[in-house]
Every structure is written in structure tokens, then in C-alpha cells.
């Protein structure tokens, strides 16, 4: 049982690492991904989310960010959702909107925090 859990966590961790390396390859803003990662970690800690679910939640959020930014840049294969967004769209806004939506569905009790972060990020876009 413990081997299965450890193996699953290792695979999830490697998946998050790989998604993170793809996000770096298509720069939106490291701050946006970091800000949303920190918001997700805060929600995970506040809800005392168990490690397997926490890993899954982080992977979902980062996969959403990756697909949103890649939908504009179109430099890599999409992870889940192919997109035909204009290449002139804001990568920062796309990354923030994707993380916002993913985390709202995963941690609905943190809606006001996620809404505030999303609004602040959008307000900072020139």
C-alpha cells in the first residue's frame, strides 16, 4: 500500500516538474505562475488537504496554466485543451484566468481570495 502511494506521489511530482519546465519555455510571467502556486499552497494548508489530493490539485492548476499560455504561443503540444486564441492575447491574463478557474473548482471555500488575486493580476496588465 505504501509503495503504491509513494509511487503515485513520485509520478505526480515528476508530472508537476515537467509541466513547470514547459511553462518556463513559454514565458508569460513567472510571477503569475508563482502567485497562483502560492495561493494554491495556502488553500491546501488551510484545508489540510492530504498529500495525494494536494499533488493532484497543483498538477491540475499548472496544467491549466500551461494549456492557457500554450494556446496563445502554440509552441508545444497542448496537454488537454487545444485552443485557437489570437496570438495577440495576454499570456498573463490567460494564465491567471486558467489558474483562477481551476482553483475555484478545487477549493470553492477560497473564492474571495482567488477572486482578489485574479483581479490584482488583471489590474497589473498594461
N, C-alpha and C. Protein backbone atom coordinates (compact mmCIF):
# COMPACT_ATOMS: atom_id res chain seq x y z
N UNK A 1 0.82 -1.19 0.00
CA UNK A 1 0.00 0.00 0.00
C UNK A 1 0.87 1.25 0.00
N UNK A 2 1.87 1.28 0.89
CA UNK A 2 2.74 2.46 0.97
C UNK A 2 3.56 2.64 -0.30
N UNK A 3 3.93 1.52 -0.93
CA UNK A 3 4.68 1.61 -2.19
C UNK A 3 3.85 2.26 -3.27
N UNK A 4 2.57 1.89 -3.32
CA UNK A 4 1.67 2.46 -4.33
C UNK A 4 1.53 3.96 -4.10
N UNK A 5 1.33 4.36 -2.87
CA UNK A 5 1.17 5.79 -2.56
C UNK A 5 2.45 6.54 -2.89
N UNK A 6 3.60 6.00 -2.45
CA UNK A 6 4.87 6.67 -2.75
C UNK A 6 5.12 6.74 -4.25
N UNK A 7 4.80 5.68 -4.96
CA UNK A 7 4.98 5.67 -6.41
C UNK A 7 4.08 6.68 -7.09
N UNK A 8 2.83 6.78 -6.62
CA UNK A 8 1.89 7.75 -7.18
C UNK A 8 2.36 9.17 -6.92
N UNK A 9 2.83 9.43 -5.71
CA UNK A 9 3.33 10.77 -5.39
C UNK A 9 4.55 11.12 -6.23
N UNK A 10 5.43 10.14 -6.44
CA UNK A 10 6.61 10.39 -7.26
C UNK A 10 6.20 10.74 -8.68
N UNK A 11 5.26 9.98 -9.26
CA UNK A 11 4.79 10.25 -10.61
C UNK A 11 4.13 11.62 -10.68
N UNK A 12 3.30 11.97 -9.70
CA UNK A 12 2.66 13.28 -9.68
C UNK A 12 3.70 14.38 -9.56
N UNK A 13 4.70 14.18 -8.73
CA UNK A 13 5.75 15.18 -8.55
C UNK A 13 6.51 15.39 -9.86
N UNK A 14 6.87 14.30 -10.52
CA UNK A 14 7.60 14.41 -11.80
C UNK A 14 6.71 15.11 -12.82
N UNK A 15 5.42 14.80 -12.81
CA UNK A 15 4.50 15.46 -13.74
C UNK A 15 4.44 16.96 -13.51
N UNK A 16 4.39 17.39 -12.25
CA UNK A 16 4.38 18.82 -11.93
C UNK A 16 5.68 19.46 -12.36
N UNK A 17 6.80 18.80 -12.12
CA UNK A 17 8.10 19.32 -12.54
C UNK A 17 8.12 19.49 -14.06
N UNK A 18 7.65 18.49 -14.80
CA UNK A 18 7.65 18.57 -16.25
C UNK A 18 6.73 19.68 -16.74
N UNK A 19 5.57 19.84 -16.14
CA UNK A 19 4.68 20.92 -16.53
C UNK A 19 5.33 22.26 -16.26
N UNK A 20 6.00 22.36 -15.11
CA UNK A 20 6.67 23.61 -14.77
C UNK A 20 7.75 23.96 -15.77
N UNK A 21 8.50 22.97 -16.23
CA UNK A 21 9.56 23.25 -17.20
C UNK A 21 8.96 23.70 -18.53
N UNK A 22 7.78 23.22 -18.89
CA UNK A 22 7.13 23.67 -20.12
C UNK A 22 6.63 25.09 -19.99
N UNK A 23 6.18 25.47 -18.83
CA UNK A 23 5.70 26.83 -18.62
C UNK A 23 6.85 27.80 -18.79
N UNK A 24 8.03 27.44 -18.30
CA UNK A 24 9.19 28.31 -18.44
C UNK A 24 9.54 28.49 -19.91
N UNK A 25 9.32 27.48 -20.72
CA UNK A 25 9.67 27.56 -22.14
C UNK A 25 8.79 28.55 -22.89
N UNK A 26 7.61 28.86 -22.35
CA UNK A 26 6.70 29.81 -22.98
C UNK A 26 6.44 30.92 -21.97
N UNK A 27 7.30 31.90 -21.89
CA UNK A 27 7.16 32.86 -20.81
C UNK A 27 5.87 33.66 -20.87
N UNK A 28 5.14 33.64 -19.81
CA UNK A 28 4.02 34.56 -19.60
C UNK A 28 4.60 35.52 -18.59
N UNK A 29 4.66 35.07 -17.39
CA UNK A 29 5.33 35.78 -16.31
C UNK A 29 5.49 34.77 -15.20
N UNK A 30 6.71 34.58 -14.77
CA UNK A 30 6.95 33.63 -13.68
C UNK A 30 6.18 34.05 -12.45
N UNK A 31 6.01 35.34 -12.28
CA UNK A 31 5.28 35.82 -11.11
C UNK A 31 3.84 35.33 -11.09
N UNK A 32 3.19 35.27 -12.22
CA UNK A 32 1.80 34.81 -12.28
C UNK A 32 1.71 33.35 -11.84
N UNK A 33 2.55 32.50 -12.39
CA UNK A 33 2.54 31.09 -12.02
C UNK A 33 2.90 30.92 -10.54
N UNK A 34 3.88 31.70 -10.09
CA UNK A 34 4.30 31.62 -8.69
C UNK A 34 3.20 32.12 -7.76
N UNK A 35 2.56 33.21 -8.13
CA UNK A 35 1.47 33.75 -7.30
C UNK A 35 0.33 32.74 -7.17
N UNK A 36 -0.04 32.11 -8.28
CA UNK A 36 -1.12 31.13 -8.23
C UNK A 36 -0.69 29.86 -7.51
N UNK A 37 0.57 29.48 -7.66
CA UNK A 37 1.08 28.32 -6.93
C UNK A 37 1.01 28.59 -5.42
N UNK A 38 1.41 29.79 -5.01
CA UNK A 38 1.35 30.15 -3.58
C UNK A 38 -0.09 30.19 -3.08
N UNK A 39 -1.00 30.68 -3.89
CA UNK A 39 -2.41 30.71 -3.49
C UNK A 39 -2.94 29.28 -3.33
N UNK A 40 -2.54 28.40 -4.24
CA UNK A 40 -2.96 27.00 -4.14
C UNK A 40 -2.38 26.36 -2.89
N UNK A 41 -1.11 26.61 -2.62
CA UNK A 41 -0.49 26.05 -1.41
C UNK A 41 -1.16 26.58 -0.14
N UNK A 42 -1.52 27.85 -0.13
CA UNK A 42 -2.24 28.41 1.03
C UNK A 42 -3.57 27.71 1.23
N UNK A 43 -4.30 27.46 0.14
CA UNK A 43 -5.59 26.76 0.24
C UNK A 43 -5.38 25.32 0.71
N UNK A 44 -4.35 24.68 0.20
CA UNK A 44 -4.05 23.30 0.60
C UNK A 44 -3.76 23.24 2.09
N UNK A 45 -2.94 24.18 2.57
CA UNK A 45 -2.62 24.20 4.01
C UNK A 45 -3.86 24.53 4.84
N UNK A 46 -4.63 25.51 4.42
CA UNK A 46 -5.81 25.91 5.19
C UNK A 46 -6.83 24.79 5.29
N UNK A 47 -6.98 24.04 4.20
CA UNK A 47 -7.96 22.95 4.19
C UNK A 47 -7.38 21.64 4.70
N UNK A 48 -6.09 21.65 5.03
CA UNK A 48 -5.40 20.42 5.48
C UNK A 48 -5.60 19.29 4.48
N UNK A 49 -5.38 19.63 3.23
CA UNK A 49 -5.55 18.68 2.13
C UNK A 49 -4.48 17.59 2.22
N UNK A 50 -4.90 16.35 2.07
CA UNK A 50 -3.94 15.24 2.15
C UNK A 50 -3.00 15.29 0.94
N UNK A 51 -1.76 14.81 1.11
CA UNK A 51 -0.75 14.94 0.04
C UNK A 51 -1.16 14.46 -1.35
N UNK A 52 -1.79 13.29 -1.51
CA UNK A 52 -2.15 12.89 -2.88
C UNK A 52 -3.12 13.87 -3.55
N UNK A 53 -4.07 14.37 -2.79
CA UNK A 53 -5.04 15.32 -3.35
C UNK A 53 -4.36 16.67 -3.59
N UNK A 54 -3.45 17.06 -2.72
CA UNK A 54 -2.71 18.31 -2.89
C UNK A 54 -1.88 18.26 -4.17
N UNK A 55 -1.18 17.15 -4.39
CA UNK A 55 -0.37 16.98 -5.61
C UNK A 55 -1.24 17.05 -6.85
N UNK A 56 -2.36 16.39 -6.79
CA UNK A 56 -3.30 16.39 -7.93
C UNK A 56 -3.80 17.80 -8.19
N UNK A 57 -4.14 18.53 -7.14
CA UNK A 57 -4.65 19.89 -7.29
C UNK A 57 -3.62 20.82 -7.92
N UNK A 58 -2.37 20.70 -7.47
CA UNK A 58 -1.30 21.51 -8.05
C UNK A 58 -1.08 21.15 -9.52
N UNK A 59 -1.13 19.86 -9.82
CA UNK A 59 -0.94 19.42 -11.21
C UNK A 59 -2.06 19.97 -12.11
N UNK A 60 -3.29 19.93 -11.62
CA UNK A 60 -4.42 20.45 -12.39
C UNK A 60 -4.24 21.95 -12.65
N UNK A 61 -3.88 22.70 -11.62
CA UNK A 61 -3.70 24.15 -11.77
C UNK A 61 -2.59 24.46 -12.78
N UNK A 62 -1.47 23.77 -12.66
CA UNK A 62 -0.35 24.05 -13.56
C UNK A 62 -0.61 23.55 -14.98
N UNK A 63 -1.34 22.47 -15.13
CA UNK A 63 -1.71 22.02 -16.48
C UNK A 63 -2.63 23.04 -17.14
N UNK A 64 -3.54 23.62 -16.35
CA UNK A 64 -4.43 24.66 -16.89
C UNK A 64 -3.63 25.88 -17.32
N UNK A 65 -2.67 26.29 -16.51
CA UNK A 65 -1.82 27.43 -16.86
C UNK A 65 -1.05 27.12 -18.15
N UNK A 66 -0.46 25.96 -18.21
CA UNK A 66 0.31 25.55 -19.39
C UNK A 66 -0.56 25.61 -20.65
N UNK A 67 -1.74 24.98 -20.61
CA UNK A 67 -2.60 24.96 -21.79
C UNK A 67 -3.06 26.36 -22.17
N UNK A 68 -3.33 27.20 -21.18
CA UNK A 68 -3.80 28.56 -21.48
C UNK A 68 -2.71 29.37 -22.19
N UNK A 69 -1.50 29.30 -21.67
CA UNK A 69 -0.39 30.06 -22.28
C UNK A 69 0.00 29.44 -23.62
N UNK A 70 0.05 28.13 -23.67
CA UNK A 70 0.40 27.46 -24.92
C UNK A 70 -0.67 27.68 -25.99
N UNK A 71 -1.90 27.90 -25.59
CA UNK A 71 -2.97 28.19 -26.54
C UNK A 71 -2.73 29.49 -27.29
N UNK A 72 -1.95 30.37 -26.69
CA UNK A 72 -1.60 31.64 -27.33
C UNK A 72 -0.28 31.48 -28.09
N UNK A 73 0.72 30.92 -27.42
CA UNK A 73 2.05 30.80 -28.01
C UNK A 73 2.12 29.72 -29.08
N UNK A 74 1.40 28.63 -28.87
CA UNK A 74 1.36 27.49 -29.78
C UNK A 74 2.76 26.94 -30.12
N UNK A 75 3.59 26.83 -29.11
CA UNK A 75 4.94 26.31 -29.33
C UNK A 75 5.09 24.85 -28.91
N UNK A 76 4.11 24.31 -28.20
CA UNK A 76 4.16 22.93 -27.73
C UNK A 76 2.80 22.27 -27.97
N UNK A 77 2.77 20.98 -27.82
CA UNK A 77 1.51 20.24 -27.90
C UNK A 77 0.67 20.60 -26.68
N UNK A 78 -0.64 20.77 -26.84
CA UNK A 78 -1.49 21.01 -25.67
C UNK A 78 -1.53 19.77 -24.78
N UNK A 79 -1.69 20.01 -23.48
CA UNK A 79 -1.81 18.91 -22.54
C UNK A 79 -3.20 18.29 -22.63
N UNK A 80 -4.23 19.13 -22.55
CA UNK A 80 -5.60 18.63 -22.56
C UNK A 80 -6.49 19.41 -23.51
N UNK A 81 -6.38 20.74 -23.50
CA UNK A 81 -7.32 21.59 -24.22
C UNK A 81 -6.61 22.34 -25.34
N UNK A 82 -6.84 21.95 -26.60
CA UNK A 82 -6.29 22.74 -27.69
C UNK A 82 -7.05 24.07 -27.79
N UNK A 83 -6.38 25.10 -28.24
CA UNK A 83 -7.00 26.41 -28.27
C UNK A 83 -6.66 27.14 -29.55
N UNK A 84 -7.57 28.00 -29.96
CA UNK A 84 -7.34 28.83 -31.14
C UNK A 84 -7.48 30.30 -30.74
N UNK A 85 -6.82 30.66 -29.68
CA UNK A 85 -6.87 32.03 -29.18
C UNK A 85 -5.93 32.89 -30.02
N UNK A 86 -6.28 34.14 -30.30
CA UNK A 86 -5.37 35.00 -31.06
C UNK A 86 -4.00 35.11 -30.38
N UNK A 87 -2.95 35.12 -31.18
CA UNK A 87 -1.60 35.20 -30.62
C UNK A 87 -1.32 36.54 -29.95
N UNK A 88 -2.19 37.51 -30.16
CA UNK A 88 -2.02 38.82 -29.52
C UNK A 88 -2.63 38.87 -28.12
N UNK A 89 -3.30 37.81 -27.71
CA UNK A 89 -3.93 37.78 -26.38
C UNK A 89 -2.87 37.84 -25.29
N UNK A 90 -3.26 38.31 -24.13
CA UNK A 90 -2.34 38.42 -23.00
C UNK A 90 -2.09 37.06 -22.37
N UNK A 91 -0.82 36.67 -22.35
CA UNK A 91 -0.45 35.40 -21.73
C UNK A 91 -0.64 35.46 -20.22
N UNK A 92 -0.38 36.62 -19.64
CA UNK A 92 -0.56 36.79 -18.19
C UNK A 92 -2.04 36.63 -17.83
N UNK A 93 -2.91 37.28 -18.60
CA UNK A 93 -4.35 37.17 -18.33
C UNK A 93 -4.84 35.73 -18.53
N UNK A 94 -4.33 35.07 -19.56
CA UNK A 94 -4.74 33.69 -19.82
C UNK A 94 -4.29 32.77 -18.70
N UNK A 95 -3.04 32.92 -18.27
CA UNK A 95 -2.53 32.08 -17.18
C UNK A 95 -3.32 32.31 -15.91
N UNK A 96 -3.61 33.57 -15.61
CA UNK A 96 -4.35 33.88 -14.39
C UNK A 96 -5.78 33.35 -14.45
N UNK A 97 -6.43 33.53 -15.58
CA UNK A 97 -7.81 33.05 -15.72
C UNK A 97 -7.88 31.53 -15.60
N UNK A 98 -6.92 30.84 -16.19
CA UNK A 98 -6.92 29.37 -16.12
C UNK A 98 -6.71 28.89 -14.69
N UNK A 99 -5.72 29.46 -14.01
CA UNK A 99 -5.46 29.06 -12.62
C UNK A 99 -6.65 29.41 -11.74
N UNK A 100 -7.22 30.58 -11.95
CA UNK A 100 -8.38 31.03 -11.18
C UNK A 100 -9.52 30.03 -11.30
N UNK A 101 -9.85 29.66 -12.54
CA UNK A 101 -10.97 28.74 -12.76
C UNK A 101 -10.68 27.36 -12.17
N UNK A 102 -9.47 26.86 -12.38
CA UNK A 102 -9.12 25.53 -11.86
C UNK A 102 -9.19 25.50 -10.34
N UNK A 103 -8.61 26.51 -9.70
CA UNK A 103 -8.57 26.51 -8.24
C UNK A 103 -9.94 26.80 -7.63
N UNK A 104 -10.77 27.58 -8.31
CA UNK A 104 -12.14 27.79 -7.82
C UNK A 104 -12.90 26.47 -7.76
N UNK A 105 -12.72 25.63 -8.77
CA UNK A 105 -13.44 24.36 -8.77
C UNK A 105 -12.88 23.38 -7.75
N UNK A 106 -11.58 23.51 -7.43
CA UNK A 106 -10.96 22.60 -6.47
C UNK A 106 -11.12 23.05 -5.01
N UNK A 107 -11.12 24.37 -4.79
CA UNK A 107 -11.17 24.92 -3.43
C UNK A 107 -12.22 26.04 -3.37
N UNK A 108 -13.50 25.70 -3.50
CA UNK A 108 -14.53 26.74 -3.56
C UNK A 108 -14.63 27.61 -2.31
N UNK A 109 -14.15 27.12 -1.18
CA UNK A 109 -14.24 27.93 0.04
C UNK A 109 -13.24 29.09 0.04
N UNK A 110 -12.36 29.13 -0.94
CA UNK A 110 -11.35 30.19 -1.03
C UNK A 110 -11.66 31.17 -2.18
N UNK A 111 -12.92 31.23 -2.58
CA UNK A 111 -13.32 32.05 -3.72
C UNK A 111 -12.89 33.50 -3.59
N UNK A 112 -13.10 34.10 -2.43
CA UNK A 112 -12.78 35.53 -2.28
C UNK A 112 -11.28 35.78 -2.42
N UNK A 113 -10.46 34.88 -1.93
CA UNK A 113 -9.00 35.02 -2.07
C UNK A 113 -8.60 34.89 -3.53
N UNK A 114 -9.13 33.88 -4.21
CA UNK A 114 -8.80 33.67 -5.61
C UNK A 114 -9.30 34.81 -6.48
N UNK A 115 -10.51 35.30 -6.19
CA UNK A 115 -11.05 36.43 -6.95
C UNK A 115 -10.17 37.67 -6.78
N UNK A 116 -9.71 37.91 -5.56
CA UNK A 116 -8.86 39.06 -5.29
C UNK A 116 -7.53 38.97 -6.02
N UNK A 117 -6.92 37.79 -6.01
CA UNK A 117 -5.64 37.62 -6.70
C UNK A 117 -5.82 37.80 -8.20
N UNK A 118 -6.86 37.22 -8.74
CA UNK A 118 -7.12 37.34 -10.19
C UNK A 118 -7.33 38.81 -10.57
N UNK A 119 -8.11 39.52 -9.79
CA UNK A 119 -8.36 40.94 -10.06
C UNK A 119 -7.07 41.75 -9.98
N UNK A 120 -6.24 41.46 -9.00
CA UNK A 120 -4.97 42.18 -8.85
C UNK A 120 -4.04 41.91 -10.03
N UNK A 121 -3.99 40.68 -10.48
CA UNK A 121 -3.14 40.35 -11.63
C UNK A 121 -3.64 41.06 -12.88
N UNK A 122 -4.95 41.01 -13.11
CA UNK A 122 -5.52 41.68 -14.29
C UNK A 122 -5.30 43.19 -14.23
N UNK A 123 -5.40 43.76 -13.05
CA UNK A 123 -5.19 45.20 -12.89
C UNK A 123 -3.75 45.61 -13.21
N UNK A 124 -2.82 44.69 -13.04
CA UNK A 124 -1.41 44.98 -13.29
C UNK A 124 -0.99 44.83 -14.75
N UNK A 125 -1.91 44.40 -15.60
CA UNK A 125 -1.57 44.23 -17.02
C UNK A 125 -1.70 45.59 -17.71
N UNK A 126 -0.63 46.02 -18.38
CA UNK A 126 -0.69 47.34 -19.05
C UNK A 126 -1.64 47.36 -20.23
